C-alpha cells in the first residue's frame, strides 16, 4: 500500500502563505490525490483534489486562494495556500484514492494566527 508523508505545515500570520507537500512511497500516477483538513471539534473536510488526469476541484472556502498540483515523476502532491485566514487553521491530511482503495498520511498542522 502507498505511504504518504505530509510536510510544510507551521505557524503563519493571517494573509501569509504556505506550501504543503505530500510525498508518496510509490508512483501516484493512477491515484486521485487530495488534501483534506480537520479543525478541532469539527469533521474532516475536503480542501482540494486532483484526478490522475489533472482535473482539479476545490472547496468553496479555498477557491482562488489555494492551488493543488501534482508532480508524478516525483511522486509528490502540493497544496499552495495563499491569503491564509485564521479559519484555515487545521491539521491537513493527504489522501490517495484508487477506486475503493484509499490511503492517508499522518497530517501536518497549519496554524494561522497573529
PDB file of N, CA and C in Angstrom:
ATOM      1  N   UNK A   1       0.837  -1.177   0.000  1.00  0.00           N
ATOM      2  CA  UNK A   1       0.000   0.000   0.000  1.00  0.00           C
ATOM      3  C   UNK A   1       0.881   1.239   0.000  1.00  0.00           C
ATOM      4  N   UNK A   2       0.353   2.303  -0.587  1.00  0.00           N
ATOM      5  CA  UNK A   2       1.139   3.524  -0.684  1.00  0.00           C
ATOM      6  C   UNK A   2       1.183   4.224   0.670  1.00  0.00           C
ATOM      7  N   UNK A   3       2.342   4.743   1.017  1.00  0.00           N
ATOM      8  CA  UNK A   3       2.515   5.524   2.238  1.00  0.00           C
ATOM      9  C   UNK A   3       2.691   6.983   1.859  1.00  0.00           C
ATOM     10  N   UNK A   4       2.044   7.852   2.636  1.00  0.00           N
ATOM     11  CA  UNK A   4       2.043   9.275   2.345  1.00  0.00           C
ATOM     12  C   UNK A   4       2.626  10.040   3.525  1.00  0.00           C
ATOM     13  N   UNK A   5       3.489  10.993   3.231  1.00  0.00           N
ATOM     14  CA  UNK A   5       4.096  11.801   4.284  1.00  0.00           C
ATOM     15  C   UNK A   5       3.927  13.273   3.934  1.00  0.00           C
ATOM     16  N   UNK A   6       3.182  13.984   4.786  1.00  0.00           N
ATOM     17  CA  UNK A   6       2.970  15.411   4.579  1.00  0.00           C
ATOM     18  C   UNK A   6       4.062  16.228   5.256  1.00  0.00           C
ATOM     19  N   UNK A   7       4.318  17.389   4.713  1.00  0.00           N
ATOM     20  CA  UNK A   7       5.263  18.325   5.315  1.00  0.00           C
ATOM     21  C   UNK A   7       4.903  19.737   4.874  1.00  0.00           C
ATOM     22  N   UNK A   8       5.503  20.711   5.561  1.00  0.00           N
ATOM     23  CA  UNK A   8       5.310  22.098   5.157  1.00  0.00           C
ATOM     24  C   UNK A   8       4.383  22.909   6.037  1.00  0.00           C
ATOM     25  N   UNK A   9       3.771  22.255   7.019  1.00  0.00           N
ATOM     26  CA  UNK A   9       2.890  22.997   7.916  1.00  0.00           C
ATOM     27  C   UNK A   9       3.676  23.910   8.839  1.00  0.00           C
ATOM     28  N   UNK A  10       2.942  24.751   9.569  1.00  0.00           N
ATOM     29  CA  UNK A  10       3.591  25.651  10.502  1.00  0.00           C
ATOM     30  C   UNK A  10       2.667  26.745  10.961  1.00  0.00           C
ATOM     31  N   UNK A  11       3.262  27.742  11.609  1.00  0.00           N
ATOM     32  CA  UNK A  11       2.528  28.896  12.121  1.00  0.00           C
ATOM     33  C   UNK A  11       2.773  30.073  11.186  1.00  0.00           C
ATOM     34  N   UNK A  12       1.700  30.661  10.710  1.00  0.00           N
ATOM     35  CA  UNK A  12       1.784  31.777   9.769  1.00  0.00           C
ATOM     36  C   UNK A  12       0.788  32.854  10.180  1.00  0.00           C
ATOM     37  N   UNK A  13       1.140  34.088   9.922  1.00  0.00           N
ATOM     38  CA  UNK A  13       0.221  35.196  10.195  1.00  0.00           C
ATOM     39  C   UNK A  13      -0.883  35.246   9.145  1.00  0.00           C
ATOM     40  N   UNK A  14      -2.039  35.785   9.512  1.00  0.00           N
ATOM     41  CA  UNK A  14      -3.097  35.974   8.507  1.00  0.00           C
ATOM     42  C   UNK A  14      -2.578  36.748   7.299  1.00  0.00           C
ATOM     43  N   UNK A  15      -3.001  36.289   6.123  1.00  0.00           N
ATOM     44  CA  UNK A  15      -2.539  36.886   4.881  1.00  0.00           C
ATOM     45  C   UNK A  15      -1.293  36.243   4.318  1.00  0.00           C
ATOM     46  N   UNK A  16      -0.673  35.380   5.090  1.00  0.00           N
ATOM     47  CA  UNK A  16       0.550  34.729   4.653  1.00  0.00           C
ATOM     48  C   UNK A  16       0.303  33.541   3.751  1.00  0.00           C
ATOM     49  N   UNK A  17       1.391  32.854   3.418  1.00  0.00           N
ATOM     50  CA  UNK A  17       1.338  31.710   2.515  1.00  0.00           C
ATOM     51  C   UNK A  17       2.108  30.534   3.080  1.00  0.00           C
ATOM     52  N   UNK A  18       1.692  29.361   2.672  1.00  0.00           N
ATOM     53  CA  UNK A  18       2.399  28.123   2.973  1.00  0.00           C
ATOM     54  C   UNK A  18       2.258  27.199   1.775  1.00  0.00           C
ATOM     55  N   UNK A  19       3.241  26.320   1.601  1.00  0.00           N
ATOM     56  CA  UNK A  19       3.116  25.256   0.612  1.00  0.00           C
ATOM     57  C   UNK A  19       3.296  23.922   1.307  1.00  0.00           C
ATOM     58  N   UNK A  20       2.250  23.120   1.237  1.00  0.00           N
ATOM     59  CA  UNK A  20       2.303  21.768   1.787  1.00  0.00           C
ATOM     60  C   UNK A  20       2.754  20.797   0.705  1.00  0.00           C
ATOM     61  N   UNK A  21       3.496  19.785   1.138  1.00  0.00           N
ATOM     62  CA  UNK A  21       3.927  18.722   0.236  1.00  0.00           C
ATOM     63  C   UNK A  21       3.462  17.383   0.777  1.00  0.00           C
ATOM     64  N   UNK A  22       3.175  16.480  -0.122  1.00  0.00           N
ATOM     65  CA  UNK A  22       2.796  15.115   0.237  1.00  0.00           C
ATOM     66  C   UNK A  22       3.633  14.174  -0.623  1.00  0.00           C
ATOM     67  N   UNK A  23       4.568  13.496   0.017  1.00  0.00           N
ATOM     68  CA  UNK A  23       5.455  12.581  -0.691  1.00  0.00           C
ATOM     69  C   UNK A  23       4.942  11.156  -0.547  1.00  0.00           C
ATOM     70  N   UNK A  24       4.807  10.471  -1.664  1.00  0.00           N
ATOM     71  CA  UNK A  24       4.311   9.094  -1.673  1.00  0.00           C
ATOM     72  C   UNK A  24       5.468   8.107  -1.812  1.00  0.00           C
ATOM     73  N   UNK A  25       5.248   6.903  -1.290  1.00  0.00           N
ATOM     74  CA  UNK A  25       6.291   5.875  -1.303  1.00  0.00           C
ATOM     75  C   UNK A  25       6.370   5.145  -2.628  1.00  0.00           C
ATOM     76  N   UNK A  26       5.407   5.383  -3.511  1.00  0.00           N
ATOM     77  CA  UNK A  26       5.408   4.739  -4.815  1.00  0.00           C
ATOM     78  C   UNK A  26       4.715   5.653  -5.816  1.00  0.00           C
ATOM     79  N   UNK A  27       4.656   5.212  -7.034  1.00  0.00           N
ATOM     80  CA  UNK A  27       4.060   6.027  -8.086  1.00  0.00           C
ATOM     81  C   UNK A  27       2.615   6.395  -7.760  1.00  0.00           C
ATOM     82  N   UNK A  28       2.289   7.656  -8.014  1.00  0.00           N
ATOM     83  CA  UNK A  28       0.929   8.132  -7.759  1.00  0.00           C
ATOM     84  C   UNK A  28       0.129   8.295  -9.047  1.00  0.00           C
ATOM     85  N   UNK A  29       0.663   7.837 -10.151  1.00  0.00           N
ATOM     86  CA  UNK A  29       0.046   8.109 -11.451  1.00  0.00           C
ATOM     87  C   UNK A  29      -1.411   7.672 -11.529  1.00  0.00           C
ATOM     88  N   UNK A  30      -1.736   6.547 -10.906  1.00  0.00           N
ATOM     89  CA  UNK A  30      -3.092   6.022 -11.056  1.00  0.00           C
ATOM     90  C   UNK A  30      -4.059   6.621 -10.039  1.00  0.00           C
ATOM     91  N   UNK A  31      -3.535   7.344  -9.058  1.00  0.00           N
ATOM     92  CA  UNK A  31      -4.356   7.803  -7.945  1.00  0.00           C
ATOM     93  C   UNK A  31      -4.943   9.184  -8.181  1.00  0.00           C
ATOM     94  N   UNK A  32      -6.173   9.356  -7.735  1.00  0.00           N
ATOM     95  CA  UNK A  32      -6.684  10.695  -7.484  1.00  0.00           C
ATOM     96  C   UNK A  32      -6.097  11.116  -6.147  1.00  0.00           C
ATOM     97  N   UNK A  33      -5.555  12.324  -6.099  1.00  0.00           N
ATOM     98  CA  UNK A  33      -4.911  12.806  -4.886  1.00  0.00           C
ATOM     99  C   UNK A  33      -5.705  13.967  -4.305  1.00  0.00           C
ATOM    100  N   UNK A  34      -5.678  14.065  -2.999  1.00  0.00           N
ATOM    101  CA  UNK A  34      -6.451  15.138  -2.387  1.00  0.00           C
ATOM    102  C   UNK A  34      -5.852  15.620  -1.088  1.00  0.00           C
ATOM    103  N   UNK A  35      -6.261  16.806  -0.734  1.00  0.00           N
ATOM    104  CA  UNK A  35      -5.945  17.384   0.572  1.00  0.00           C
ATOM    105  C   UNK A  35      -7.250  17.585   1.336  1.00  0.00           C
ATOM    106  N   UNK A  36      -7.238  17.179   2.579  1.00  0.00           N
ATOM    107  CA  UNK A  36      -8.368  17.352   3.475  1.00  0.00           C
ATOM    108  C   UNK A  36      -7.851  18.036   4.741  1.00  0.00           C
ATOM    109  N   UNK A  37      -8.769  18.574   5.519  1.00  0.00           N
ATOM    110  CA  UNK A  37      -8.348  19.194   6.772  1.00  0.00           C
ATOM    111  C   UNK A  37      -9.377  18.939   7.861  1.00  0.00           C
ATOM    112  N   UNK A  38      -8.876  18.967   9.083  1.00  0.00           N
ATOM    113  CA  UNK A  38      -9.748  18.772  10.233  1.00  0.00           C
ATOM    114  C   UNK A  38      -9.362  19.760  11.314  1.00  0.00           C
ATOM    115  N   UNK A  39     -10.299  20.624  11.648  1.00  0.00           N
ATOM    116  CA  UNK A  39     -10.109  21.588  12.725  1.00  0.00           C
ATOM    117  C   UNK A  39     -10.607  20.976  14.036  1.00  0.00           C
ATOM    118  N   UNK A  40     -10.137  21.471  15.170  1.00  0.00           N
ATOM    119  CA  UNK A  40     -10.572  20.921  16.458  1.00  0.00           C
ATOM    120  C   UNK A  40     -12.092  20.959  16.598  1.00  0.00           C
ATOM    121  N   UNK A  41     -12.664  19.832  16.972  1.00  0.00           N
ATOM    122  CA  UNK A  41     -14.101  19.766  17.183  1.00  0.00           C
ATOM    123  C   UNK A  41     -14.934  19.695  15.921  1.00  0.00           C
ATOM    124  N   UNK A  42     -14.272  19.589  14.766  1.00  0.00           N
ATOM    125  CA  UNK A  42     -15.007  19.551  13.501  1.00  0.00           C
ATOM    126  C   UNK A  42     -14.672  18.284  12.733  1.00  0.00           C
ATOM    127  N   UNK A  43     -15.528  17.967  11.776  1.00  0.00           N
ATOM    128  CA  UNK A  43     -15.284  16.806  10.926  1.00  0.00           C
ATOM    129  C   UNK A  43     -14.221  17.124   9.874  1.00  0.00           C
ATOM    130  N   UNK A  44     -13.582  16.077   9.415  1.00  0.00           N
ATOM    131  CA  UNK A  44     -12.627  16.240   8.326  1.00  0.00           C
ATOM    132  C   UNK A  44     -13.376  16.687   7.075  1.00  0.00           C
ATOM    133  N   UNK A  45     -12.815  17.655   6.368  1.00  0.00           N
ATOM    134  CA  UNK A  45     -13.470  18.184   5.176  1.00  0.00           C
ATOM    135  C   UNK A  45     -12.506  18.239   4.004  1.00  0.00           C
ATOM    136  N   UNK A  46     -13.078  18.137   2.821  1.00  0.00           N
ATOM    137  CA  UNK A  46     -12.291  18.205   1.609  1.00  0.00           C
ATOM    138  C   UNK A  46     -11.797  19.628   1.395  1.00  0.00           C
ATOM    139  N   UNK A  47     -10.535  19.747   1.000  1.00  0.00           N
ATOM    140  CA  UNK A  47      -9.963  21.040   0.638  1.00  0.00           C
ATOM    141  C   UNK A  47      -9.811  21.137  -0.876  1.00  0.00           C
ATOM    142  N   UNK A  48      -9.134  20.141  -1.449  1.00  0.00           N
ATOM    143  CA  UNK A  48      -8.886  20.156  -2.892  1.00  0.00           C
ATOM    144  C   UNK A  48      -8.515  18.762  -3.356  1.00  0.00           C
ATOM    145  N   UNK A  49      -8.873  18.450  -4.598  1.00  0.00           N
ATOM    146  CA  UNK A  49      -8.485  17.183  -5.194  1.00  0.00           C
ATOM    147  C   UNK A  49      -7.954  17.406  -6.607  1.00  0.00           C
ATOM    148  N   UNK A  50      -7.151  16.453  -7.048  1.00  0.00           N
ATOM    149  CA  UNK A  50      -6.672  16.447  -8.434  1.00  0.00           C
ATOM    150  C   UNK A  50      -6.711  15.011  -8.925  1.00  0.00           C
ATOM    151  N   UNK A  51      -7.370  14.812 -10.054  1.00  0.00           N
ATOM    152  CA  UNK A  51      -7.509  13.457 -10.591  1.00  0.00           C
ATOM    153  C   UNK A  51      -6.201  13.007 -11.244  1.00  0.00           C
ATOM    154  N   UNK A  52      -6.164  11.742 -11.617  1.00  0.00           N
ATOM    155  CA  UNK A  52      -4.989  11.225 -12.315  1.00  0.00           C
ATOM    156  C   UNK A  52      -4.780  11.957 -13.634  1.00  0.00           C
ATOM    157  N   UNK A  53      -5.841  12.486 -14.193  1.00  0.00           N
ATOM    158  CA  UNK A  53      -5.743  13.235 -15.439  1.00  0.00           C
ATOM    159  C   UNK A  53      -5.453  14.707 -15.276  1.00  0.00           C
ATOM    160  N   UNK A  54      -5.436  15.175 -14.022  1.00  0.00           N
ATOM    161  CA  UNK A  54      -5.073  16.564 -13.765  1.00  0.00           C
ATOM    162  C   UNK A  54      -6.230  17.509 -13.505  1.00  0.00           C
ATOM    163  N   UNK A  55      -7.461  17.003 -13.509  1.00  0.00           N
ATOM    164  CA  UNK A  55      -8.604  17.864 -13.217  1.00  0.00           C
ATOM    165  C   UNK A  55      -8.632  18.180 -11.724  1.00  0.00           C
ATOM    166  N   UNK A  56      -8.932  19.426 -11.406  1.00  0.00           N
ATOM    167  CA  UNK A  56      -8.908  19.849 -10.014  1.00  0.00           C
ATOM    168  C   UNK A  56     -10.295  20.238  -9.527  1.00  0.00           C
ATOM    169  N   UNK A  57     -10.443  20.163  -8.206  1.00  0.00           N
ATOM    170  CA  UNK A  57     -11.693  20.546  -7.566  1.00  0.00           C
ATOM    171  C   UNK A  57     -11.340  21.161  -6.225  1.00  0.00           C
ATOM    172  N   UNK A  58     -12.076  22.214  -5.840  1.00  0.00           N
ATOM    173  CA  UNK A  58     -11.773  22.923  -4.600  1.00  0.00           C
ATOM    174  C   UNK A  58     -13.033  23.145  -3.779  1.00  0.00           C
ATOM    175  N   UNK A  59     -12.840  23.178  -2.478  1.00  0.00           N
ATOM    176  CA  UNK A  59     -13.913  23.624  -1.599  1.00  0.00           C
ATOM    177  C   UNK A  59     -14.149  25.100  -1.857  1.00  0.00           C
ATOM    178  N   UNK A  60     -15.393  25.527  -1.730  1.00  0.00           N
ATOM    179  CA  UNK A  60     -15.716  26.933  -1.985  1.00  0.00           C
ATOM    180  C   UNK A  60     -14.897  27.873  -1.101  1.00  0.00           C
ATOM    181  N   UNK A  61     -14.615  27.411   0.111  1.00  0.00           N
ATOM    182  CA  UNK A  61     -13.932  28.263   1.075  1.00  0.00           C
ATOM    183  C   UNK A  61     -12.478  28.562   0.705  1.00  0.00           C
ATOM    184  N   UNK A  62     -11.913  27.792  -0.212  1.00  0.00           N
ATOM    185  CA  UNK A  62     -10.497  27.997  -0.565  1.00  0.00           C
ATOM    186  C   UNK A  62     -10.298  28.384  -2.028  1.00  0.00           C
ATOM    187  N   UNK A  63     -11.375  28.414  -2.791  1.00  0.00           N
ATOM    188  CA  UNK A  63     -11.257  28.756  -4.213  1.00  0.00           C
ATOM    189  C   UNK A  63     -10.622  30.134  -4.385  1.00  0.00           C
ATOM    190  N   UNK A  64      -9.677  30.197  -5.303  1.00  0.00           N
ATOM    191  CA  UNK A  64      -8.986  31.455  -5.554  1.00  0.00           C
ATOM    192  C   UNK A  64      -7.821  31.715  -4.620  1.00  0.00           C
ATOM    193  N   UNK A  65      -7.690  30.924  -3.562  1.00  0.00           N
ATOM    194  CA  UNK A  65      -6.593  31.111  -2.609  1.00  0.00           C
ATOM    195  C   UNK A  65      -5.626  29.927  -2.594  1.00  0.00           C
ATOM    196  N   UNK A  66      -6.146  28.728  -2.780  1.00  0.00           N
ATOM    197  CA  UNK A  66      -5.342  27.510  -2.723  1.00  0.00           C
ATOM    198  C   UNK A  66      -5.209  26.913  -4.123  1.00  0.00           C
ATOM    199  N   UNK A  67      -4.076  26.268  -4.360  1.00  0.00           N
ATOM    200  CA  UNK A  67      -3.847  25.577  -5.619  1.00  0.00           C
ATOM    201  C   UNK A  67      -3.237  24.211  -5.342  1.00  0.00           C
ATOM    202  N   UNK A  68      -3.887  23.175  -5.863  1.00  0.00           N
ATOM    203  CA  UNK A  68      -3.353  21.819  -5.745  1.00  0.00           C
ATOM    204  C   UNK A  68      -2.635  21.474  -7.039  1.00  0.00           C
ATOM    205  N   UNK A  69      -1.526  20.763  -6.914  1.00  0.00           N
ATOM    206  CA  UNK A  69      -0.801  20.327  -8.105  1.00  0.00           C
ATOM    207  C   UNK A  69      -0.116  18.999  -7.802  1.00  0.00           C
ATOM    208  N   UNK A  70       0.210  18.290  -8.869  1.00  0.00           N
ATOM    209  CA  UNK A  70       0.878  17.008  -8.700  1.00  0.00           C
ATOM    210  C   UNK A  70       2.089  16.933  -9.602  1.00  0.00           C
ATOM    211  N   UNK A  71       3.117  16.277  -9.095  1.00  0.00           N
ATOM    212  CA  UNK A  71       4.336  16.031  -9.863  1.00  0.00           C
ATOM    213  C   UNK A  71       4.548  14.532  -9.870  1.00  0.00           C
ATOM    214  N   UNK A  72       4.004  13.870 -10.859  1.00  0.00           N
ATOM    215  CA  UNK A  72       4.049  12.413 -10.888  1.00  0.00           C
ATOM    216  C   UNK A  72       5.474  11.847 -10.869  1.00  0.00           C
ATOM    217  N   UNK A  73       6.410  12.391 -11.637  1.00  0.00           N
ATOM    218  CA  UNK A  73       7.776  11.837 -11.586  1.00  0.00           C
ATOM    219  C   UNK A  73       8.398  11.897 -10.193  1.00  0.00           C
ATOM    220  N   UNK A  74       7.963  12.870  -9.373  1.00  0.00           N
ATOM    221  CA  UNK A  74       8.482  12.983  -8.009  1.00  0.00           C
ATOM    222  C   UNK A  74       7.579  12.314  -6.980  1.00  0.00           C
ATOM    223  N   UNK A  75       6.486  11.712  -7.441  1.00  0.00           N
ATOM    224  CA  UNK A  75       5.530  11.068  -6.533  1.00  0.00           C
ATOM    225  C   UNK A  75       5.072  12.021  -5.430  1.00  0.00           C
ATOM    226  N   UNK A  76       4.811  13.257  -5.798  1.00  0.00           N
ATOM    227  CA  UNK A  76       4.513  14.295  -4.818  1.00  0.00           C
ATOM    228  C   UNK A  76       3.324  15.139  -5.259  1.00  0.00           C
ATOM    229  N   UNK A  77       2.532  15.516  -4.272  1.00  0.00           N
ATOM    230  CA  UNK A  77       1.406  16.424  -4.475  1.00  0.00           C
ATOM    231  C   UNK A  77       1.633  17.634  -3.587  1.00  0.00           C
ATOM    232  N   UNK A  78       1.237  18.791  -4.104  1.00  0.00           N
ATOM    233  CA  UNK A  78       1.445  20.041  -3.378  1.00  0.00           C
ATOM    234  C   UNK A  78       0.115  20.750  -3.146  1.00  0.00           C
ATOM    235  N   UNK A  79       0.106  21.570  -2.111  1.00  0.00           N
ATOM    236  CA  UNK A  79      -1.015  22.479  -1.877  1.00  0.00           C
ATOM    237  C   UNK A  79      -0.414  23.850  -1.570  1.00  0.00           C
ATOM    238  N   UNK A  80      -0.525  24.746  -2.528  1.00  0.00           N
ATOM    239  CA  UNK A  80      -0.085  26.117  -2.313  1.00  0.00           C
ATOM    240  C   UNK A  80      -1.236  26.896  -1.700  1.00  0.00           C
ATOM    241  N   UNK A  81      -0.981  27.463  -0.541  1.00  0.00           N
ATOM    242  CA  UNK A  81      -2.026  28.169   0.191  1.00  0.00           C
ATOM    243  C   UNK A  81      -1.622  29.633   0.348  1.00  0.00           C
ATOM    244  N   UNK A  82      -2.427  30.509  -0.216  1.00  0.00           N
ATOM    245  CA  UNK A  82      -2.182  31.954  -0.142  1.00  0.00           C
ATOM    246  C   UNK A  82      -3.323  32.649   0.587  1.00  0.00           C
ATOM    247  N   UNK A  83      -3.071  33.862   0.999  1.00  0.00           N
ATOM    248  CA  UNK A  83      -4.098  34.668   1.686  1.00  0.00           C
ATOM    249  C   UNK A  83      -4.740  33.890   2.814  1.00  0.00           C
ATOM    250  N   UNK A  84      -3.913  33.297   3.632  1.00  0.00           N
ATOM    251  CA  UNK A  84      -4.403  32.425   4.695  1.00  0.00           C
ATOM    252  C   UNK A  84      -5.193  33.196   5.742  1.00  0.00           C
ATOM    253  N   UNK A  85      -6.210  32.522   6.268  1.00  0.00           N
ATOM    254  CA  UNK A  85      -7.114  33.100   7.265  1.00  0.00           C
ATOM    255  C   UNK A  85      -7.072  32.259   8.536  1.00  0.00           C
ATOM    256  N   UNK A  86      -7.433  32.838   9.662  1.00  0.00           N
ATOM    257  CA  UNK A  86      -7.466  32.045  10.898  1.00  0.00           C
ATOM    258  C   UNK A  86      -8.338  30.795  10.777  1.00  0.00           C
ATOM    259  N   UNK A  87      -9.403  30.880  10.006  1.00  0.00           N
ATOM    260  CA  UNK A  87     -10.286  29.719   9.839  1.00  0.00           C
ATOM    261  C   UNK A  87      -9.672  28.606   9.007  1.00  0.00           C
ATOM    262  N   UNK A  88      -8.514  28.830   8.430  1.00  0.00           N
ATOM    263  CA  UNK A  88      -7.790  27.764   7.731  1.00  0.00           C
ATOM    264  C   UNK A  88      -6.984  26.900   8.704  1.00  0.00           C
ATOM    265  N   UNK A  89      -6.955  27.279   9.957  1.00  0.00           N
ATOM    266  CA  UNK A  89      -6.227  26.512  10.960  1.00  0.00           C
ATOM    267  C   UNK A  89      -6.814  25.117  11.096  1.00  0.00           C
ATOM    268  N   UNK A  90      -5.963  24.108  10.931  1.00  0.00           N
ATOM    269  CA  UNK A  90      -6.413  22.716  10.984  1.00  0.00           C
ATOM    270  C   UNK A  90      -5.210  21.802  10.805  1.00  0.00           C
ATOM    271  N   UNK A  91      -5.448  20.524  11.002  1.00  0.00           N
ATOM    272  CA  UNK A  91      -4.489  19.501  10.563  1.00  0.00           C
ATOM    273  C   UNK A  91      -4.854  19.148   9.130  1.00  0.00           C
ATOM    274  N   UNK A  92      -3.876  19.220   8.252  1.00  0.00           N
ATOM    275  CA  UNK A  92      -4.086  18.948   6.837  1.00  0.00           C
ATOM    276  C   UNK A  92      -3.575  17.544   6.507  1.00  0.00           C
ATOM    277  N   UNK A  93      -4.430  16.777   5.843  1.00  0.00           N
ATOM    278  CA  UNK A  93      -4.128  15.396   5.506  1.00  0.00           C
ATOM    279  C   UNK A  93      -4.096  15.196   3.992  1.00  0.00           C
ATOM    280  N   UNK A  94      -3.163  14.380   3.572  1.00  0.00           N
ATOM    281  CA  UNK A  94      -3.068  13.993   2.169  1.00  0.00           C
ATOM    282  C   UNK A  94      -3.788  12.661   1.974  1.00  0.00           C
ATOM    283  N   UNK A  95      -4.445  12.517   0.838  1.00  0.00           N
ATOM    284  CA  UNK A  95      -5.184  11.294   0.520  1.00  0.00           C
ATOM    285  C   UNK A  95      -4.852  10.833  -0.883  1.00  0.00           C
ATOM    286  N   UNK A  96      -4.704   9.524  -1.038  1.00  0.00           N
ATOM    287  CA  UNK A  96      -4.556   8.898  -2.352  1.00  0.00           C
ATOM    288  C   UNK A  96      -5.706   7.924  -2.526  1.00  0.00           C
ATOM    289  N   UNK A  97      -6.414   8.049  -3.624  1.00  0.00           N
ATOM    290  CA  UNK A  97      -7.615   7.236  -3.832  1.00  0.00           C
ATOM    291  C   UNK A  97      -7.579   6.577  -5.195  1.00  0.00           C
ATOM    292  N   UNK A  98      -7.832   5.252  -5.197  1.00  0.00           N
ATOM    293  CA  UNK A  98      -7.968   4.491  -6.439  1.00  0.00           C
ATOM    294  C   UNK A  98      -9.120   3.526  -6.259  1.00  0.00           C
ATOM    295  N   UNK A  99     -10.215   3.806  -6.866  1.00  0.00           N
ATOM    296  CA  UNK A  99     -11.452   3.066  -6.672  1.00  0.00           C
ATOM    297  C   UNK A  99     -11.743   2.990  -5.173  1.00  0.00           C
ATOM    298  N   UNK A 100     -11.898   1.792  -4.618  1.00  0.00           N
ATOM    299  CA  UNK A 100     -12.237   1.679  -3.203  1.00  0.00           C
ATOM    300  C   UNK A 100     -11.023   1.741  -2.288  1.00  0.00           C
ATOM    301  N   UNK A 101      -9.863   1.854  -2.864  1.00  0.00           N
ATOM    302  CA  UNK A 101      -8.631   1.856  -2.063  1.00  0.00           C
ATOM    303  C   UNK A 101      -8.216   3.296  -1.765  1.00  0.00           C
ATOM    304  N   UNK A 102      -8.205   3.616  -0.471  1.00  0.00           N
ATOM    305  CA  UNK A 102      -7.837   4.963  -0.061  1.00  0.00           C
ATOM    306  C   UNK A 102      -6.761   4.922   0.997  1.00  0.00           C
ATOM    307  N   UNK A 103      -5.829   5.855   0.915  1.00  0.00           N
ATOM    308  CA  UNK A 103      -4.705   5.909   1.847  1.00  0.00           C
ATOM    309  C   UNK A 103      -4.551   7.336   2.362  1.00  0.00           C
ATOM    310  N   UNK A 104      -4.115   7.426   3.625  1.00  0.00           N
ATOM    311  CA  UNK A 104      -3.992   8.724   4.281  1.00  0.00           C
ATOM    312  C   UNK A 104      -2.591   8.897   4.859  1.00  0.00           C
ATOM    313  N   UNK A 105      -2.155  10.140   4.892  1.00  0.00           N
ATOM    314  CA  UNK A 105      -0.947  10.481   5.618  1.00  0.00           C
ATOM    315  C   UNK A 105      -1.267  10.762   7.070  1.00  0.00           C
ATOM    316  N   UNK A 106      -0.234  11.129   7.815  1.00  0.00           N
ATOM    317  CA  UNK A 106      -0.402  11.343   9.256  1.00  0.00           C
ATOM    318  C   UNK A 106      -0.846  12.765   9.581  1.00  0.00           C
ATOM    319  N   UNK A 107      -0.774  13.644   8.611  1.00  0.00           N
ATOM    320  CA  UNK A 107      -1.234  15.014   8.796  1.00  0.00           C
ATOM    321  C   UNK A 107      -0.122  15.977   9.159  1.00  0.00           C
ATOM    322  N   UNK A 108      -0.356  17.239   8.841  1.00  0.00           N
ATOM    323  CA  UNK A 108       0.569  18.306   9.215  1.00  0.00           C
ATOM    324  C   UNK A 108      -0.247  19.495   9.719  1.00  0.00           C
ATOM    325  N   UNK A 109       0.203  20.075  10.823  1.00  0.00           N
ATOM    326  CA  UNK A 109      -0.560  21.147  11.464  1.00  0.00           C
ATOM    327  C   UNK A 109      -0.306  22.471  10.763  1.00  0.00           C
ATOM    328  N   UNK A 110      -1.382  23.163  10.474  1.00  0.00           N
ATOM    329  CA  UNK A 110      -1.316  24.526   9.943  1.00  0.00           C
ATOM    330  C   UNK A 110      -2.053  25.440  10.911  1.00  0.00           C
ATOM    331  N   UNK A 111      -1.357  26.458  11.393  1.00  0.00           N
ATOM    332  CA  UNK A 111      -1.949  27.392  12.342  1.00  0.00           C
ATOM    333  C   UNK A 111      -1.791  28.804  11.805  1.00  0.00           C
ATOM    334  N   UNK A 112      -2.917  29.490  11.707  1.00  0.00           N
ATOM    335  CA  UNK A 112      -2.921  30.868  11.215  1.00  0.00           C
ATOM    336  C   UNK A 112      -3.293  31.773  12.382  1.00  0.00           C
ATOM    337  N   UNK A 113      -2.334  32.568  12.811  1.00  0.00           N
ATOM    338  CA  UNK A 113      -2.562  33.405  13.984  1.00  0.00           C
ATOM    339  C   UNK A 113      -1.579  34.565  13.980  1.00  0.00           C
ATOM    340  N   UNK A 114      -2.037  35.678  14.509  1.00  0.00           N
ATOM    341  CA  UNK A 114      -1.144  36.835  14.657  1.00  0.00           C
ATOM    342  C   UNK A 114      -0.527  36.858  16.051  1.00  0.00           C
TER     343      UNK A 114
END
